[in-house]
Amino acid sequence: MSRTFFIKNATALGAIVSALLVTSSLEAQIVANWLPAGSGDYGNPANWDVGVVPLNVGGTTFIVYIPNGALPSPPNTYSSTITLSIPGAWTVDQLNLGLHRRLLVAVDA
């Protein structure tokens, strides 16, 4: 069974991201950019310009950029979906999601 979660509370998200940024300020940060113009799997290293899945590990941390998607038709929809189905707990320092993109978090129960 899969569950889908969307982040609804921007204040809580901001507090979490701020805490992550403060605790990781002394670690090496890598900027990772999403490559596909359309949909794809966050967990596929080929979808990232750095060639690895951007997840904080040890002293290596990531700032993630997923650029704007194509203008959707009809309006108020998404042109692409990035599916995130990585098991276990993980973090990134910063996640920047462009316009017309949707991040779908799938948790297997």
C-alpha atoms as a PDB file:
ATOM      1  CA  MET A   1       0.000   0.000   0.000  1.00  0.00           C
ATOM      2  CA  SER A   2       1.339   3.415  -0.893  1.00  0.00           C
ATOM      3  CA  ARG A   3       0.528   6.696   0.812  1.00  0.00           C
ATOM      4  CA  THR A   4       0.985  10.133  -0.640  1.00  0.00           C
ATOM      5  CA  PHE A   5       1.934  13.156   1.461  1.00  0.00           C
ATOM      6  CA  PHE A   6       2.018  16.791   0.410  1.00  0.00           C
ATOM      7  CA  ILE A   7       3.663  19.506   2.475  1.00  0.00           C
ATOM      8  CA  LYS A   8       0.890  21.883   3.582  1.00  0.00           C
ATOM      9  CA  ASN A   9       2.414  23.861   6.444  1.00  0.00           C
ATOM     10  CA  ALA A  10       5.009  26.277   5.078  1.00  0.00           C
ATOM     11  CA  THR A  11       5.883  27.552   8.576  1.00  0.00           C
ATOM     12  CA  ALA A  12       6.743  24.070   9.834  1.00  0.00           C
ATOM     13  CA  LEU A  13       8.718  23.354   6.676  1.00  0.00           C
ATOM     14  CA  GLY A  14      10.610  26.626   7.085  1.00  0.00           C
ATOM     15  CA  ALA A  15      11.521  25.752  10.681  1.00  0.00           C
ATOM     16  CA  ILE A  16      12.763  22.312   9.635  1.00  0.00           C
ATOM     17  CA  VAL A  17      14.832  23.705   6.762  1.00  0.00           C
ATOM     18  CA  SER A  18      16.273  26.436   9.029  1.00  0.00           C
ATOM     19  CA  ALA A  19      17.271  23.849  11.621  1.00  0.00           C
ATOM     20  CA  LEU A  20      18.912  21.738   8.936  1.00  0.00           C
ATOM     21  CA  LEU A  21      20.822  24.720   7.570  1.00  0.00           C
ATOM     22  CA  VAL A  22      22.143  25.710  11.001  1.00  0.00           C
ATOM     23  CA  THR A  23      23.276  22.203  11.917  1.00  0.00           C
ATOM     24  CA  SER A  24      24.933  21.577   8.581  1.00  0.00           C
ATOM     25  CA  SER A  25      26.692  24.894   8.053  1.00  0.00           C
ATOM     26  CA  LEU A  26      30.136  23.337   8.626  1.00  0.00           C
ATOM     27  CA  GLU A  27      29.645  20.426   6.233  1.00  0.00           C
ATOM     28  CA  ALA A  28      30.484  20.280   2.511  1.00  0.00           C
ATOM     29  CA  GLN A  29      27.452  21.309   0.464  1.00  0.00           C
ATOM     30  CA  ILE A  30      26.806  20.237  -3.107  1.00  0.00           C
ATOM     31  CA  VAL A  31      24.264  21.875  -5.405  1.00  0.00           C
ATOM     32  CA  ALA A  32      22.295  19.235  -7.322  1.00  0.00           C
ATOM     33  CA  ASN A  33      20.158  20.146 -10.354  1.00  0.00           C
ATOM     34  CA  TRP A  34      17.311  18.048 -11.765  1.00  0.00           C
ATOM     35  CA  LEU A  35      17.955  17.252 -15.444  1.00  0.00           C
ATOM     36  CA  PRO A  36      14.736  15.857 -17.019  1.00  0.00           C
ATOM     37  CA  ALA A  37      12.335  18.329 -18.585  1.00  0.00           C
ATOM     38  CA  GLY A  38       9.440  16.086 -17.584  1.00  0.00           C
ATOM     39  CA  SER A  39       8.539  13.592 -14.909  1.00  0.00           C
ATOM     40  CA  GLY A  40      10.950  11.177 -13.303  1.00  0.00           C
ATOM     41  CA  ASP A  41      12.200   9.319 -10.238  1.00  0.00           C
ATOM     42  CA  TYR A  42      14.093  11.316  -7.588  1.00  0.00           C
ATOM     43  CA  GLY A  43      16.009   8.135  -6.692  1.00  0.00           C
ATOM     44  CA  ASN A  44      17.569   7.698 -10.156  1.00  0.00           C
ATOM     45  CA  PRO A  45      21.160   9.065 -10.215  1.00  0.00           C
ATOM     46  CA  ALA A  46      20.872   9.703 -13.984  1.00  0.00           C
ATOM     47  CA  ASN A  47      18.260  12.412 -13.268  1.00  0.00           C
ATOM     48  CA  TRP A  48      20.832  14.611 -11.466  1.00  0.00           C
ATOM     49  CA  ASP A  49      23.704  16.675 -12.845  1.00  0.00           C
ATOM     50  CA  VAL A  50      25.958  15.459 -10.014  1.00  0.00           C
ATOM     51  CA  GLY A  51      25.452  11.788 -11.005  1.00  0.00           C
ATOM     52  CA  VAL A  52      24.247  10.719  -7.539  1.00  0.00           C
ATOM     53  CA  VAL A  53      20.923  10.898  -5.717  1.00  0.00           C
ATOM     54  CA  PRO A  54      21.084  14.052  -3.557  1.00  0.00           C
ATOM     55  CA  LEU A  55      20.629  12.767  -0.016  1.00  0.00           C
ATOM     56  CA  ASN A  56      22.679  14.014   2.929  1.00  0.00           C
ATOM     57  CA  VAL A  57      25.207  11.365   3.963  1.00  0.00           C
ATOM     58  CA  GLY A  58      27.995  11.827   6.494  1.00  0.00           C
ATOM     59  CA  GLY A  59      29.656  15.192   5.884  1.00  0.00           C
ATOM     60  CA  THR A  60      28.158  15.647   2.412  1.00  0.00           C
ATOM     61  CA  THR A  61      24.964  17.671   2.184  1.00  0.00           C
ATOM     62  CA  PHE A  62      22.867  18.860  -0.740  1.00  0.00           C
ATOM     63  CA  ILE A  63      20.959  21.884  -1.948  1.00  0.00           C
ATOM     64  CA  VAL A  64      18.470  20.599  -4.523  1.00  0.00           C
ATOM     65  CA  TYR A  65      17.065  22.549  -7.486  1.00  0.00           C
ATOM     66  CA  ILE A  66      14.184  21.241  -9.566  1.00  0.00           C
ATOM     67  CA  PRO A  67      13.593  23.968 -12.199  1.00  0.00           C
ATOM     68  CA  ASN A  68      10.298  25.178 -13.637  1.00  0.00           C
ATOM     69  CA  GLY A  69       8.376  22.640 -15.679  1.00  0.00           C
ATOM     70  CA  ALA A  70       6.768  23.297 -19.042  1.00  0.00           C
ATOM     71  CA  LEU A  71       3.627  25.435 -19.028  1.00  0.00           C
ATOM     72  CA  PRO A  72       0.793  22.955 -18.403  1.00  0.00           C
ATOM     73  CA  SER A  73      -2.461  22.675 -20.266  1.00  0.00           C
ATOM     74  CA  PRO A  74      -5.054  23.189 -18.845  1.00  0.00           C
ATOM     75  CA  PRO A  75      -3.959  25.878 -16.350  1.00  0.00           C
ATOM     76  CA  ASN A  76      -3.675  25.070 -12.627  1.00  0.00           C
ATOM     77  CA  THR A  77      -2.291  21.603 -13.316  1.00  0.00           C
ATOM     78  CA  TYR A  78       1.215  20.172 -13.198  1.00  0.00           C
ATOM     79  CA  SER A  79       3.335  19.500 -16.245  1.00  0.00           C
ATOM     80  CA  SER A  80       5.487  16.909 -14.498  1.00  0.00           C
ATOM     81  CA  THR A  81       5.684  14.844 -11.348  1.00  0.00           C
ATOM     82  CA  ILE A  82       8.870  13.874  -9.553  1.00  0.00           C
ATOM     83  CA  THR A  83       8.275  10.646  -7.633  1.00  0.00           C
ATOM     84  CA  LEU A  84      10.190  10.214  -4.412  1.00  0.00           C
ATOM     85  CA  SER A  85      10.051   6.646  -3.101  1.00  0.00           C
ATOM     86  CA  ILE A  86      13.309   6.246  -1.208  1.00  0.00           C
ATOM     87  CA  PRO A  87      12.950   3.957   1.839  1.00  0.00           C
ATOM     88  CA  GLY A  88      14.045   5.045   5.292  1.00  0.00           C
ATOM     89  CA  ALA A  89      14.702   8.472   6.733  1.00  0.00           C
ATOM     90  CA  TRP A  90      16.766  10.966   4.751  1.00  0.00           C
ATOM     91  CA  THR A  91      17.400  14.701   4.495  1.00  0.00           C
ATOM     92  CA  VAL A  92      18.569  17.444   2.144  1.00  0.00           C
ATOM     93  CA  ASP A  93      19.566  20.937   3.272  1.00  0.00           C
ATOM     94  CA  GLN A  94      17.322  22.813   0.867  1.00  0.00           C
ATOM     95  CA  LEU A  95      14.732  21.794  -1.724  1.00  0.00           C
ATOM     96  CA  ASN A  96      13.750  24.306  -4.411  1.00  0.00           C
ATOM     97  CA  LEU A  97      10.746  23.198  -6.486  1.00  0.00           C
ATOM     98  CA  GLY A  98      10.001  25.226  -9.636  1.00  0.00           C
ATOM     99  CA  LEU A  99       6.665  26.265 -11.092  1.00  0.00           C
ATOM    100  CA  HIS A 100       4.414  23.628 -12.635  1.00  0.00           C
ATOM    101  CA  ARG A 101       6.213  20.840 -10.776  1.00  0.00           C
ATOM    102  CA  ARG A 102       4.784  18.432  -8.232  1.00  0.00           C
ATOM    103  CA  LEU A 103       6.756  16.336  -5.757  1.00  0.00           C
ATOM    104  CA  LEU A 104       4.944  13.086  -5.019  1.00  0.00           C
ATOM    105  CA  VAL A 105       6.205  11.358  -1.875  1.00  0.00           C
ATOM    106  CA  ALA A 106       5.251   7.669  -1.931  1.00  0.00           C
ATOM    107  CA  VAL A 107       5.638   5.752   1.326  1.00  0.00           C
ATOM    108  CA  ASP A 108       5.231   1.997   1.179  1.00  0.00           C
ATOM    109  CA  ALA A 109       3.440   0.626   4.226  1.00  0.00           C
END
